Amino acid sequence: MKTNDPQKIRLEPDDHKEAVRTLQQFFRETREEDISDFQAATLLDFFLSRIAPAIYNRALADTHAVLVQKLDDIYGLEKRILP
């Protein structure tokens, strides 16, 4: 696995550890199954490489739509030109 891939979504180390713990807790609570740090990290890496880009792209599209709307709203500030 490439670790220097600029397209890969990465988490800060503390966020990665917390996500691993969250996955382990999810498996314990929903499947009554304990998974190792390695198993949870592998699953997290799968999510980050395969699923997170779609979520990221959707967030960009949503942000773009909001910004376009806000930029369109700026025309409401135009001053009327008197003859």
C-alpha atoms as a PDB file:
ATOM      1  CA  MET A   1       0.000   0.000   0.000  1.00  0.00           C
ATOM      2  CA  LYS A   2       1.357   3.421  -0.943  1.00  0.00           C
ATOM      3  CA  THR A   3       1.687   5.719   2.033  1.00  0.00           C
ATOM      4  CA  ASN A   4       2.703   8.791   0.028  1.00  0.00           C
ATOM      5  CA  ASP A   5      -0.289   8.743  -2.320  1.00  0.00           C
ATOM      6  CA  PRO A   6      -1.596  12.341  -2.479  1.00  0.00           C
ATOM      7  CA  GLN A   7      -5.115  11.070  -3.256  1.00  0.00           C
ATOM      8  CA  LYS A   8      -5.362   8.973  -0.092  1.00  0.00           C
ATOM      9  CA  ILE A   9      -7.416  10.442   2.712  1.00  0.00           C
ATOM     10  CA  ARG A  10      -5.388  10.393   5.902  1.00  0.00           C
ATOM     11  CA  LEU A  11      -6.292  10.966   9.516  1.00  0.00           C
ATOM     12  CA  GLU A  12      -4.147  12.589  12.153  1.00  0.00           C
ATOM     13  CA  PRO A  13      -2.553   9.926  14.383  1.00  0.00           C
ATOM     14  CA  ASP A  14      -4.845  10.669  17.338  1.00  0.00           C
ATOM     15  CA  ASP A  15      -7.920  10.611  15.088  1.00  0.00           C
ATOM     16  CA  HIS A  16      -6.771   7.313  13.554  1.00  0.00           C
ATOM     17  CA  LYS A  17      -6.369   5.743  17.014  1.00  0.00           C
ATOM     18  CA  GLU A  18      -9.806   6.985  18.038  1.00  0.00           C
ATOM     19  CA  ALA A  19     -11.364   5.620  14.845  1.00  0.00           C
ATOM     20  CA  VAL A  20      -9.737   2.220  15.509  1.00  0.00           C
ATOM     21  CA  ARG A  21     -11.152   2.227  19.048  1.00  0.00           C
ATOM     22  CA  THR A  22     -14.571   3.222  17.694  1.00  0.00           C
ATOM     23  CA  LEU A  23     -14.551   0.336  15.201  1.00  0.00           C
ATOM     24  CA  GLN A  24     -13.559  -2.084  17.958  1.00  0.00           C
ATOM     25  CA  GLN A  25     -16.389  -0.787  20.146  1.00  0.00           C
ATOM     26  CA  PHE A  26     -18.842  -1.095  17.241  1.00  0.00           C
ATOM     27  CA  PHE A  27     -17.881  -4.737  16.701  1.00  0.00           C
ATOM     28  CA  ARG A  28     -18.196  -5.470  20.439  1.00  0.00           C
ATOM     29  CA  GLU A  29     -21.612  -3.817  20.720  1.00  0.00           C
ATOM     30  CA  THR A  30     -23.199  -4.999  17.481  1.00  0.00           C
ATOM     31  CA  ARG A  31     -21.526  -8.313  16.778  1.00  0.00           C
ATOM     32  CA  GLU A  32     -20.326  -9.322  20.257  1.00  0.00           C
ATOM     33  CA  GLU A  33     -16.922  -9.786  18.645  1.00  0.00           C
ATOM     34  CA  ASP A  34     -13.529  -8.485  19.686  1.00  0.00           C
ATOM     35  CA  ILE A  35     -11.249  -7.409  16.870  1.00  0.00           C
ATOM     36  CA  SER A  36      -7.571  -6.548  17.215  1.00  0.00           C
ATOM     37  CA  ASP A  37      -6.021  -3.147  16.633  1.00  0.00           C
ATOM     38  CA  PHE A  38      -4.608  -4.538  13.377  1.00  0.00           C
ATOM     39  CA  GLN A  39      -8.005  -5.791  12.181  1.00  0.00           C
ATOM     40  CA  ALA A  40      -9.711  -2.499  13.029  1.00  0.00           C
ATOM     41  CA  ALA A  41      -6.916  -0.469  11.396  1.00  0.00           C
ATOM     42  CA  THR A  42      -7.135  -2.614   8.262  1.00  0.00           C
ATOM     43  CA  LEU A  43     -10.891  -2.070   8.092  1.00  0.00           C
ATOM     44  CA  LEU A  44     -10.403   1.649   8.661  1.00  0.00           C
ATOM     45  CA  ASP A  45      -7.817   1.807   5.875  1.00  0.00           C
ATOM     46  CA  PHE A  46     -10.297   0.062   3.575  1.00  0.00           C
ATOM     47  CA  PHE A  47     -12.968   2.640   4.434  1.00  0.00           C
ATOM     48  CA  LEU A  48     -10.525   5.503   3.929  1.00  0.00           C
ATOM     49  CA  SER A  49      -9.391   4.243   0.535  1.00  0.00           C
ATOM     50  CA  ARG A  50     -12.696   2.988  -0.889  1.00  0.00           C
ATOM     51  CA  ILE A  51     -15.558   4.829   0.805  1.00  0.00           C
ATOM     52  CA  ALA A  52     -14.174   8.112   2.167  1.00  0.00           C
ATOM     53  CA  PRO A  53     -13.390   9.597  -1.279  1.00  0.00           C
ATOM     54  CA  ALA A  54     -17.081   9.439  -2.238  1.00  0.00           C
ATOM     55  CA  ILE A  55     -18.050  11.139   1.026  1.00  0.00           C
ATOM     56  CA  TYR A  56     -15.314  13.739   0.530  1.00  0.00           C
ATOM     57  CA  ASN A  57     -16.467  14.444  -3.024  1.00  0.00           C
ATOM     58  CA  ARG A  58     -20.082  14.792  -1.874  1.00  0.00           C
ATOM     59  CA  ALA A  59     -18.967  17.267   0.808  1.00  0.00           C
ATOM     60  CA  LEU A  60     -17.100  19.285  -1.831  1.00  0.00           C
ATOM     61  CA  ALA A  61     -20.168  19.344  -4.079  1.00  0.00           C
ATOM     62  CA  ASP A  62     -22.401  20.417  -1.177  1.00  0.00           C
ATOM     63  CA  THR A  63     -19.924  23.148  -0.195  1.00  0.00           C
ATOM     64  CA  HIS A  64     -19.751  24.338  -3.785  1.00  0.00           C
ATOM     65  CA  ALA A  65     -23.536  24.592  -3.965  1.00  0.00           C
ATOM     66  CA  VAL A  66     -23.666  26.647  -0.760  1.00  0.00           C
ATOM     67  CA  LEU A  67     -20.887  28.964  -1.929  1.00  0.00           C
ATOM     68  CA  VAL A  68     -22.520  29.490  -5.323  1.00  0.00           C
ATOM     69  CA  GLN A  69     -25.771  30.406  -3.570  1.00  0.00           C
ATOM     70  CA  LYS A  70     -23.946  32.836  -1.277  1.00  0.00           C
ATOM     71  CA  LEU A  71     -22.180  34.421  -4.248  1.00  0.00           C
ATOM     72  CA  ASP A  72     -25.503  34.789  -6.037  1.00  0.00           C
ATOM     73  CA  ASP A  73     -26.891  36.475  -2.917  1.00  0.00           C
ATOM     74  CA  ILE A  74     -24.174  39.125  -3.150  1.00  0.00           C
ATOM     75  CA  TYR A  75     -25.965  40.700  -6.104  1.00  0.00           C
ATOM     76  CA  GLY A  76     -28.682  41.728  -3.677  1.00  0.00           C
ATOM     77  CA  LEU A  77     -26.195  44.243  -2.296  1.00  0.00           C
ATOM     78  CA  GLU A  78     -25.883  46.117  -5.583  1.00  0.00           C
ATOM     79  CA  LYS A  79     -26.669  49.784  -5.488  1.00  0.00           C
ATOM     80  CA  ARG A  80     -29.301  51.113  -7.802  1.00  0.00           C
ATOM     81  CA  ILE A  81     -27.973  53.491 -10.417  1.00  0.00           C
ATOM     82  CA  LEU A  82     -30.122  56.605 -10.665  1.00  0.00           C
ATOM     83  CA  PRO A  83     -30.644  58.211 -14.082  1.00  0.00           C
END
